[in-house]
């Protein structure tokens, strides 16, 4: 292998660069496995936005005193 290793200005290996390459390759492989190489991204609320609402609903159902 004749490629040079990508390094940061301080001389250390740029691990973020190689992690990004790995993530792209993993995402591409997963997309090919499920036949979604050109699938449009879905728009909608993020899971992180729904989590507090779900927790509040669970607390209300359980009627835990002091949590609602």
Protein backbone atom coordinates (compact mmCIF):
# COMPACT_ATOMS: atom_id res chain seq x y z
CA UNK A 1 0.00 0.00 0.00
CA UNK A 2 1.51 3.29 -1.08
CA UNK A 3 -1.10 5.66 0.37
CA UNK A 4 0.07 8.12 2.98
CA UNK A 5 -1.64 8.29 6.34
CA UNK A 6 -3.67 11.44 6.89
CA UNK A 7 -2.37 13.32 9.92
CA UNK A 8 -3.33 16.42 11.86
CA UNK A 9 -1.16 19.51 12.15
CA UNK A 10 0.40 18.14 15.36
CA UNK A 11 1.49 14.96 13.55
CA UNK A 12 -1.03 12.59 15.12
CA UNK A 13 -3.22 10.38 12.95
CA UNK A 14 -6.48 12.05 11.91
CA UNK A 15 -8.81 9.45 13.38
CA UNK A 16 -11.93 11.54 12.66
CA UNK A 17 -11.13 11.34 8.95
CA UNK A 18 -10.88 7.55 9.03
CA UNK A 19 -13.98 7.17 11.22
CA UNK A 20 -15.97 9.25 8.71
CA UNK A 21 -14.79 7.01 5.87
CA UNK A 22 -15.82 3.92 7.85
CA UNK A 23 -19.24 5.36 8.68
CA UNK A 24 -19.90 6.20 5.04
CA UNK A 25 -18.88 2.71 3.95
CA UNK A 26 -21.05 1.10 6.65
CA UNK A 27 -24.05 3.26 5.72
CA UNK A 28 -23.59 2.42 2.04
CA UNK A 29 -23.35 -1.31 2.79
CA UNK A 30 -26.51 -1.18 4.93
CA UNK A 31 -28.35 0.74 2.22
CA UNK A 32 -27.36 -1.83 -0.38
CA UNK A 33 -28.43 -4.69 1.90
CA UNK A 34 -31.91 -3.22 2.20
CA UNK A 35 -32.12 -2.03 -1.41
CA UNK A 36 -32.25 1.66 -0.56
CA UNK A 37 -29.28 3.15 -2.33
CA UNK A 38 -31.21 6.19 -3.57
CA UNK A 39 -34.07 6.34 -1.07
CA UNK A 40 -35.15 9.85 -0.12
CA UNK A 41 -34.70 10.86 3.48
CA UNK A 42 -37.89 10.93 5.42
CA UNK A 43 -38.94 14.19 6.94
CA UNK A 44 -40.54 14.30 10.31
CA UNK A 45 -39.88 14.80 13.97
CA UNK A 46 -36.72 13.42 15.43
CA UNK A 47 -36.87 10.66 18.02
CA UNK A 48 -35.06 12.90 20.50
CA UNK A 49 -37.91 15.39 20.30
CA UNK A 50 -40.52 12.71 20.92
CA UNK A 51 -38.82 11.09 23.90
CA UNK A 52 -39.72 13.74 26.52
CA UNK A 53 -43.35 13.68 25.33
CA UNK A 54 -43.48 9.90 25.61
CA UNK A 55 -41.99 9.98 29.10
CA UNK A 56 -44.51 12.59 30.20
CA UNK A 57 -47.33 10.41 28.86
CA UNK A 58 -46.02 7.37 30.73
CA UNK A 59 -45.75 9.36 33.94
CA UNK A 60 -49.32 10.59 33.54
CA UNK A 61 -50.61 7.08 32.91
CA UNK A 62 -48.83 5.72 35.97
CA UNK A 63 -49.86 8.80 37.99
CA UNK A 64 -46.64 8.86 39.93
CA UNK A 65 -46.90 11.58 42.56
CA UNK A 66 -44.42 14.40 42.25
CA UNK A 67 -43.25 13.54 38.74
CA UNK A 68 -46.02 15.20 36.76
